C-alpha atoms as a PDB file:
ATOM      1  CA  MET A   1      15.096  11.118 -14.872  1.00  0.00           C
ATOM      2  CA  GLN A   2      11.595  12.504 -15.139  1.00  0.00           C
ATOM      3  CA  ASN A   3       8.660  11.692 -12.867  1.00  0.00           C
ATOM      4  CA  PRO A   4       7.207   8.299 -13.921  1.00  0.00           C
ATOM      5  CA  ALA A   5       3.644   9.672 -13.948  1.00  0.00           C
ATOM      6  CA  ILE A   6       4.699  12.319 -16.465  1.00  0.00           C
ATOM      7  CA  PHE A   7       6.468   9.713 -18.626  1.00  0.00           C
ATOM      8  CA  TRP A   8       3.453   7.397 -18.751  1.00  0.00           C
ATOM      9  CA  ASP A   9       1.039  10.294 -19.298  1.00  0.00           C
ATOM     10  CA  LYS A  10       3.008  11.184 -22.431  1.00  0.00           C
ATOM     11  CA  ALA A  11       3.090   7.552 -23.537  1.00  0.00           C
ATOM     12  CA  ALA A  12      -0.599   6.800 -22.954  1.00  0.00           C
ATOM     13  CA  ALA A  13      -1.949   7.547 -26.437  1.00  0.00           C
ATOM     14  CA  LYS A  14       0.717   5.459 -28.198  1.00  0.00           C
ATOM     15  CA  TYR A  15       0.528   2.735 -25.561  1.00  0.00           C
ATOM     16  CA  SER A  16      -3.226   2.326 -26.020  1.00  0.00           C
ATOM     17  CA  LYS A  17      -2.754   1.644 -29.747  1.00  0.00           C
ATOM     18  CA  SER A  18       0.252  -0.675 -29.452  1.00  0.00           C
ATOM     19  CA  PRO A  19      -0.394  -4.358 -30.250  1.00  0.00           C
ATOM     20  CA  ILE A  20       0.468  -7.028 -27.701  1.00  0.00           C
ATOM     21  CA  ALA A  21       3.960  -8.290 -28.505  1.00  0.00           C
ATOM     22  CA  ASP A  22       3.253 -11.991 -27.874  1.00  0.00           C
ATOM     23  CA  MET A  23      -0.460 -12.725 -28.086  1.00  0.00           C
ATOM     24  CA  ASP A  24      -0.066 -16.460 -27.381  1.00  0.00           C
ATOM     25  CA  ALA A  25       1.769 -15.774 -24.120  1.00  0.00           C
ATOM     26  CA  TYR A  26      -0.739 -13.079 -23.151  1.00  0.00           C
ATOM     27  CA  THR A  27      -3.735 -15.315 -23.872  1.00  0.00           C
ATOM     28  CA  TYR A  28      -2.243 -18.216 -21.925  1.00  0.00           C
ATOM     29  CA  THR A  29      -1.540 -16.173 -18.788  1.00  0.00           C
ATOM     30  CA  LEU A  30      -4.931 -14.466 -19.076  1.00  0.00           C
ATOM     31  CA  GLU A  31      -6.627 -17.862 -18.971  1.00  0.00           C
ATOM     32  CA  ARG A  32      -4.428 -19.036 -16.090  1.00  0.00           C
ATOM     33  CA  THR A  33      -5.379 -15.860 -14.206  1.00  0.00           C
ATOM     34  CA  ARG A  34      -9.042 -16.423 -14.966  1.00  0.00           C
ATOM     35  CA  SER A  35      -8.805 -19.887 -13.392  1.00  0.00           C
ATOM     36  CA  TYR A  36      -7.954 -18.294 -10.015  1.00  0.00           C
ATOM     37  CA  LEU A  37     -10.895 -15.879 -10.037  1.00  0.00           C
ATOM     38  CA  SER A  38     -14.379 -16.314  -8.593  1.00  0.00           C
ATOM     39  CA  PRO A  39     -17.631 -14.491  -9.407  1.00  0.00           C
ATOM     40  CA  ASN A  40     -17.780 -12.669  -6.055  1.00  0.00           C
ATOM     41  CA  ASP A  41     -14.117 -11.650  -5.891  1.00  0.00           C
ATOM     42  CA  THR A  42     -13.035  -8.080  -5.290  1.00  0.00           C
ATOM     43  CA  VAL A  43      -9.881  -7.511  -7.325  1.00  0.00           C
ATOM     44  CA  LEU A  44      -7.215  -4.809  -7.469  1.00  0.00           C
ATOM     45  CA  GLU A  45      -5.025  -4.359 -10.525  1.00  0.00           C
ATOM     46  CA  VAL A  46      -1.892  -2.303  -9.933  1.00  0.00           C
ATOM     47  CA  GLY A  47      -0.425  -0.536 -12.960  1.00  0.00           C
ATOM     48  CA  CYS A  48      -3.434  -1.319 -15.134  1.00  0.00           C
ATOM     49  CA  GLY A  49      -2.337   0.907 -18.030  1.00  0.00           C
ATOM     50  CA  THR A  50      -5.337   1.523 -20.269  1.00  0.00           C
ATOM     51  CA  GLY A  51      -7.312  -1.267 -18.620  1.00  0.00           C
ATOM     52  CA  SER A  52      -7.391  -3.917 -21.356  1.00  0.00           C
ATOM     53  CA  THR A  53      -6.754  -6.856 -19.008  1.00  0.00           C
ATOM     54  CA  ALA A  54      -9.128  -5.597 -16.320  1.00  0.00           C
ATOM     55  CA  LEU A  55     -11.917  -5.217 -18.869  1.00  0.00           C
ATOM     56  CA  LEU A  56     -11.336  -8.716 -20.254  1.00  0.00           C
ATOM     57  CA  LEU A  57     -11.566 -10.195 -16.739  1.00  0.00           C
ATOM     58  CA  ALA A  58     -14.522  -8.072 -15.596  1.00  0.00           C
ATOM     59  CA  GLY A  59     -17.052 -10.801 -16.362  1.00  0.00           C
ATOM     60  CA  ASP A  60     -15.254 -13.282 -14.111  1.00  0.00           C
ATOM     61  CA  VAL A  61     -15.367 -11.298 -10.856  1.00  0.00           C
ATOM     62  CA  GLY A  62     -17.605  -9.090  -8.742  1.00  0.00           C
ATOM     63  CA  GLN A  63     -15.586  -5.864  -8.831  1.00  0.00           C
ATOM     64  CA  ILE A  64     -12.206  -4.698 -10.133  1.00  0.00           C
ATOM     65  CA  THR A  65     -10.381  -1.594  -8.994  1.00  0.00           C
ATOM     66  CA  ALA A  66      -8.019  -0.795 -11.867  1.00  0.00           C
ATOM     67  CA  SER A  67      -5.304   1.610 -10.721  1.00  0.00           C
ATOM     68  CA  ASP A  68      -2.479   3.417 -12.459  1.00  0.00           C
ATOM     69  CA  LEU A  69      -0.292   6.406 -11.591  1.00  0.00           C
ATOM     70  CA  SER A  70      -0.967   7.903 -15.043  1.00  0.00           C
ATOM     71  CA  GLY A  71      -4.118   9.973 -15.233  1.00  0.00           C
ATOM     72  CA  ASN A  72      -4.079   9.743 -19.028  1.00  0.00           C
ATOM     73  CA  MET A  73      -3.978   5.940 -18.907  1.00  0.00           C
ATOM     74  CA  ILE A  74      -6.914   5.949 -16.509  1.00  0.00           C
ATOM     75  CA  ARG A  75      -8.937   8.255 -18.763  1.00  0.00           C
ATOM     76  CA  VAL A  76      -8.419   5.949 -21.737  1.00  0.00           C
ATOM     77  CA  GLY A  77      -9.445   2.950 -19.635  1.00  0.00           C
ATOM     78  CA  SER A  78     -12.548   4.681 -18.312  1.00  0.00           C
ATOM     79  CA  ASP A  79     -13.591   5.603 -21.851  1.00  0.00           C
ATOM     80  CA  LYS A  80     -13.112   2.004 -23.000  1.00  0.00           C
ATOM     81  CA  ALA A  81     -15.223   0.702 -20.099  1.00  0.00           C
ATOM     82  CA  ALA A  82     -18.019   3.151 -20.940  1.00  0.00           C
ATOM     83  CA  ALA A  83     -17.899   2.228 -24.621  1.00  0.00           C
ATOM     84  CA  GLU A  84     -18.095  -1.487 -23.778  1.00  0.00           C
ATOM     85  CA  GLY A  85     -20.840  -1.010 -21.179  1.00  0.00           C
ATOM     86  CA  ILE A  86     -18.734  -2.491 -18.371  1.00  0.00           C
ATOM     87  CA  SER A  87     -19.777  -1.140 -14.984  1.00  0.00           C
ATOM     88  CA  ASN A  88     -17.898  -3.307 -12.469  1.00  0.00           C
ATOM     89  CA  VAL A  89     -14.430  -1.917 -13.247  1.00  0.00           C
ATOM     90  CA  LYS A  90     -13.577   1.213 -11.274  1.00  0.00           C
ATOM     91  CA  PHE A  91     -10.601   3.152 -12.644  1.00  0.00           C
ATOM     92  CA  VAL A  92      -8.508   4.963 -10.032  1.00  0.00           C
ATOM     93  CA  ASN A  93      -5.602   7.357 -10.652  1.00  0.00           C
ATOM     94  CA  ALA A  94      -3.263   6.223  -7.850  1.00  0.00           C
ATOM     95  CA  ASP A  95       0.068   4.563  -7.259  1.00  0.00           C
ATOM     96  CA  LEU A  96       0.413   1.462  -5.131  1.00  0.00           C
ATOM     97  CA  PHE A  97       0.967   3.338  -1.870  1.00  0.00           C
ATOM     98  CA  ASP A  98      -1.938   5.797  -2.181  1.00  0.00           C
ATOM     99  CA  ASN A  99      -4.700   5.686   0.419  1.00  0.00           C
ATOM    100  CA  ALA A 100      -7.211   5.487  -2.421  1.00  0.00           C
ATOM    101  CA  LEU A 101      -6.455   1.767  -2.730  1.00  0.00           C
ATOM    102  CA  GLU A 102      -7.301   0.964   0.878  1.00  0.00           C
ATOM    103  CA  SER A 103     -10.970   0.293   0.156  1.00  0.00           C
ATOM    104  CA  GLY A 104     -10.121  -3.421   0.322  1.00  0.00           C
ATOM    105  CA  PRO A 105      -9.018  -5.840   1.589  1.00  0.00           C
ATOM    106  CA  TYR A 106      -9.085  -7.602  -1.761  1.00  0.00           C
ATOM    107  CA  ASP A 107      -9.435 -11.251  -2.701  1.00  0.00           C
ATOM    108  CA  VAL A 108      -6.932 -10.866  -5.533  1.00  0.00           C
ATOM    109  CA  VAL A 109      -4.243  -8.323  -6.416  1.00  0.00           C
ATOM    110  CA  MET A 110      -2.815  -8.360  -9.947  1.00  0.00           C
ATOM    111  CA  ALA A 111       0.392  -6.643 -11.069  1.00  0.00           C
ATOM    112  CA  PHE A 112       1.165  -7.300 -14.726  1.00  0.00           C
ATOM    113  CA  ASN A 113       4.354  -5.889 -16.249  1.00  0.00           C
ATOM    114  CA  VAL A 114       4.856  -3.432 -13.409  1.00  0.00           C
ATOM    115  CA  LEU A 115       7.208  -4.773 -10.698  1.00  0.00           C
ATOM    116  CA  HIS A 116      10.305  -4.270 -12.859  1.00  0.00           C
ATOM    117  CA  LEU A 117       9.345  -0.593 -13.200  1.00  0.00           C
ATOM    118  CA  LEU A 118       9.443   0.019  -9.427  1.00  0.00           C
ATOM    119  CA  GLU A 119      12.481   1.153  -7.452  1.00  0.00           C
ATOM    120  CA  ASP A 120      11.599  -0.735  -4.247  1.00  0.00           C
ATOM    121  CA  VAL A 121      10.080  -4.090  -5.167  1.00  0.00           C
ATOM    122  CA  PRO A 122      10.223  -5.589  -1.626  1.00  0.00           C
ATOM    123  CA  ALA A 123       8.228  -2.630  -0.277  1.00  0.00           C
ATOM    124  CA  ALA A 124       5.717  -3.010  -3.124  1.00  0.00           C
ATOM    125  CA  VAL A 125       5.232  -6.715  -2.404  1.00  0.00           C
ATOM    126  CA  GLN A 126       4.743  -6.037   1.307  1.00  0.00           C
ATOM    127  CA  ARG A 127       2.202  -3.337   0.467  1.00  0.00           C
ATOM    128  CA  ILE A 128       0.325  -5.782  -1.766  1.00  0.00           C
ATOM    129  CA  ASN A 129       0.310  -8.322   1.037  1.00  0.00           C
ATOM    130  CA  GLY A 130      -1.266  -5.731   3.320  1.00  0.00           C
ATOM    131  CA  LEU A 131      -4.024  -5.030   0.796  1.00  0.00           C
ATOM    132  CA  LEU A 132      -5.055  -8.695   0.537  1.00  0.00           C
ATOM    133  CA  LYS A 133      -7.463 -10.693   2.648  1.00  0.00           C
ATOM    134  CA  PRO A 134      -5.998 -13.646   4.586  1.00  0.00           C
ATOM    135  CA  GLY A 135      -5.343 -16.384   2.037  1.00  0.00           C
ATOM    136  CA  GLY A 136      -5.708 -13.889  -0.816  1.00  0.00           C
ATOM    137  CA  THR A 137      -4.019 -14.338  -4.174  1.00  0.00           C
ATOM    138  CA  PHE A 138      -1.265 -12.224  -5.720  1.00  0.00           C
ATOM    139  CA  ILE A 139      -0.834 -12.701  -9.479  1.00  0.00           C
ATOM    140  CA  SER A 140       2.039 -10.997 -11.269  1.00  0.00           C
ATOM    141  CA  LYS A 141       3.961 -11.029 -14.511  1.00  0.00           C
ATOM    142  CA  THR A 142       7.390  -9.428 -14.551  1.00  0.00           C
ATOM    143  CA  VAL A 143      10.022  -8.974 -17.235  1.00  0.00           C
ATOM    144  CA  CYS A 144      13.246 -10.387 -15.789  1.00  0.00           C
ATOM    145  CA  THR A 145      16.928 -10.231 -16.730  1.00  0.00           C
ATOM    146  CA  PRO A 146      17.304 -11.171 -20.406  1.00  0.00           C
ATOM    147  CA  GLY A 147      19.545 -14.128 -21.160  1.00  0.00           C
ATOM    148  CA  ALA A 148      22.538 -14.272 -23.461  1.00  0.00           C
ATOM    149  CA  GLY A 149      20.503 -15.238 -26.528  1.00  0.00           C
ATOM    150  CA  ILE A 150      18.364 -12.112 -26.751  1.00  0.00           C
ATOM    151  CA  PRO A 151      17.784 -10.531 -30.194  1.00  0.00           C
ATOM    152  CA  PHE A 152      20.268  -7.913 -31.367  1.00  0.00           C
ATOM    153  CA  LYS A 153      17.601  -5.180 -31.396  1.00  0.00           C
ATOM    154  CA  LEU A 154      16.765  -5.757 -27.728  1.00  0.00           C
ATOM    155  CA  ARG A 155      20.440  -5.946 -26.827  1.00  0.00           C
ATOM    156  CA  LEU A 156      20.967  -2.560 -28.489  1.00  0.00           C
ATOM    157  CA  ILE A 157      18.023  -1.047 -26.607  1.00  0.00           C
ATOM    158  CA  LEU A 158      19.467  -2.256 -23.301  1.00  0.00           C
ATOM    159  CA  LEU A 159      22.820  -0.688 -24.157  1.00  0.00           C
ATOM    160  CA  ILE A 160      21.323   2.735 -24.826  1.00  0.00           C
ATOM    161  CA  LEU A 161      18.664   2.510 -22.099  1.00  0.00           C
ATOM    162  CA  PRO A 162      20.546   4.740 -19.600  1.00  0.00           C
ATOM    163  CA  LEU A 163      20.854   7.461 -22.235  1.00  0.00           C
ATOM    164  CA  MET A 164      17.161   7.160 -23.138  1.00  0.00           C
ATOM    165  CA  GLN A 165      16.241   7.429 -19.457  1.00  0.00           C
ATOM    166  CA  PHE A 166      18.429  10.505 -19.040  1.00  0.00           C
ATOM    167  CA  PHE A 167      16.509  12.288 -21.800  1.00  0.00           C
ATOM    168  CA  GLY A 168      13.106  11.091 -20.569  1.00  0.00           C
ATOM    169  CA  LYS A 169      12.576   8.653 -23.446  1.00  0.00           C
ATOM    170  CA  ALA A 170      12.440   5.544 -21.266  1.00  0.00           C
ATOM    171  CA  PRO A 171      11.137   4.775 -17.761  1.00  0.00           C
ATOM    172  CA  TYR A 172      13.069   3.480 -14.772  1.00  0.00           C
ATOM    173  CA  VAL A 173      13.667  -0.262 -15.225  1.00  0.00           C
ATOM    174  CA  ASN A 174      14.984  -2.771 -12.691  1.00  0.00           C
ATOM    175  CA  PHE A 175      15.495  -6.155 -14.336  1.00  0.00           C
ATOM    176  CA  MET A 176      15.751  -8.868 -11.694  1.00  0.00           C
ATOM    177  CA  GLU A 177      16.881 -12.454 -11.915  1.00  0.00           C
ATOM    178  CA  ILE A 178      13.947 -14.866 -11.670  1.00  0.00           C
ATOM    179  CA  ALA A 179      15.285 -16.331  -8.421  1.00  0.00           C
ATOM    180  CA  GLU A 180      15.600 -12.822  -6.952  1.00  0.00           C
ATOM    181  CA  LEU A 181      12.031 -11.929  -7.902  1.00  0.00           C
ATOM    182  CA  GLU A 182      10.597 -15.103  -6.410  1.00  0.00           C
ATOM    183  CA  GLU A 183      12.628 -14.701  -3.228  1.00  0.00           C
ATOM    184  CA  ILE A 184      11.212 -11.185  -2.797  1.00  0.00           C
ATOM    185  CA  ILE A 185       7.668 -12.507  -3.255  1.00  0.00           C
ATOM    186  CA  SER A 186       8.221 -15.388  -0.814  1.00  0.00           C
ATOM    187  CA  SER A 187       9.873 -13.115   1.750  1.00  0.00           C
ATOM    188  CA  GLY A 188       6.943 -10.712   1.433  1.00  0.00           C
ATOM    189  CA  GLY A 189       4.600 -13.195   3.079  1.00  0.00           C
ATOM    190  CA  PHE A 190       3.535 -15.345   0.133  1.00  0.00           C
ATOM    191  CA  LYS A 191       3.700 -18.988  -0.927  1.00  0.00           C
ATOM    192  CA  ILE A 192       4.250 -19.386  -4.662  1.00  0.00           C
ATOM    193  CA  ILE A 193       1.822 -21.932  -6.130  1.00  0.00           C
ATOM    194  CA  GLU A 194       2.440 -21.483  -9.859  1.00  0.00           C
ATOM    195  CA  SER A 195       5.156 -19.920 -12.007  1.00  0.00           C
ATOM    196  CA  GLY A 196       6.510 -19.965 -15.544  1.00  0.00           C
ATOM    197  CA  ASN A 197       8.008 -17.854 -18.315  1.00  0.00           C
ATOM    198  CA  TYR A 198       5.505 -16.548 -20.887  1.00  0.00           C
ATOM    199  CA  PRO A 199       7.196 -15.685 -23.174  1.00  0.00           C
ATOM    200  CA  ALA A 200      10.476 -17.457 -22.519  1.00  0.00           C
ATOM    201  CA  ALA A 201      12.750 -14.815 -24.051  1.00  0.00           C
ATOM    202  CA  PRO A 202      13.203 -12.307 -22.720  1.00  0.00           C
ATOM    203  CA  PRO A 203      11.731 -14.092 -19.703  1.00  0.00           C
ATOM    204  CA  SER A 204       8.432 -12.670 -18.495  1.00  0.00           C
ATOM    205  CA  ARG A 205       7.904 -14.475 -15.193  1.00  0.00           C
ATOM    206  CA  TYR A 206       4.305 -15.302 -14.366  1.00  0.00           C
ATOM    207  CA  VAL A 207       3.840 -15.950 -10.645  1.00  0.00           C
ATOM    208  CA  VAL A 208       0.738 -16.883  -8.658  1.00  0.00           C
ATOM    209  CA  ALA A 209       1.186 -16.690  -4.888  1.00  0.00           C
ATOM    210  CA  ARG A 210      -1.032 -17.069  -1.829  1.00  0.00           C
ATOM    211  CA  LYS A 211      -0.853 -14.818   1.202  1.00  0.00           C
ATOM    212  CA  VAL A 212       0.272 -16.867   4.199  1.00  0.00           C
END
């Protein structure tokens, strides 16, 4: 399997032009996230992709550090911020464990559609805890194990996923059960205060948790 940074660098151009699969679910969780933000907050987004969510939330906070391991994703995001005249989003080419993210501690850490792409989720959650201020907020959205009623097309993709990964056509994916994901978050030093599936199938688990 190829290096994930190389995979996402190759995917960046197509990714930036891809429409959001479920706009209603995205809009709902965006507004729920916005309700936890304050004008003076310093925020870190892990796995920001091309920065669309960070740029939409920029007006609700003081500063956002938008990070991604793909340099190409970061370049697209930086260009979008410049084009939109947004100056309080700083794009950083770094993975979660890089020292470049230690300019915090942060009031809020966001990780949307990224935890299921990591090989060691407990270590990632503990790292996020360490980057937050006491009482800080961790907001995540994670694709979890699809149920029995998933569409045929998705079922087929899951069947051929190992072959796609072998040839570098798909990234590493670790689908977790919802209970497993929430146990990892709770065991990582957080108290879950809100959760739900948006969309419901395949379940994309939205979790808001406070550092304890």
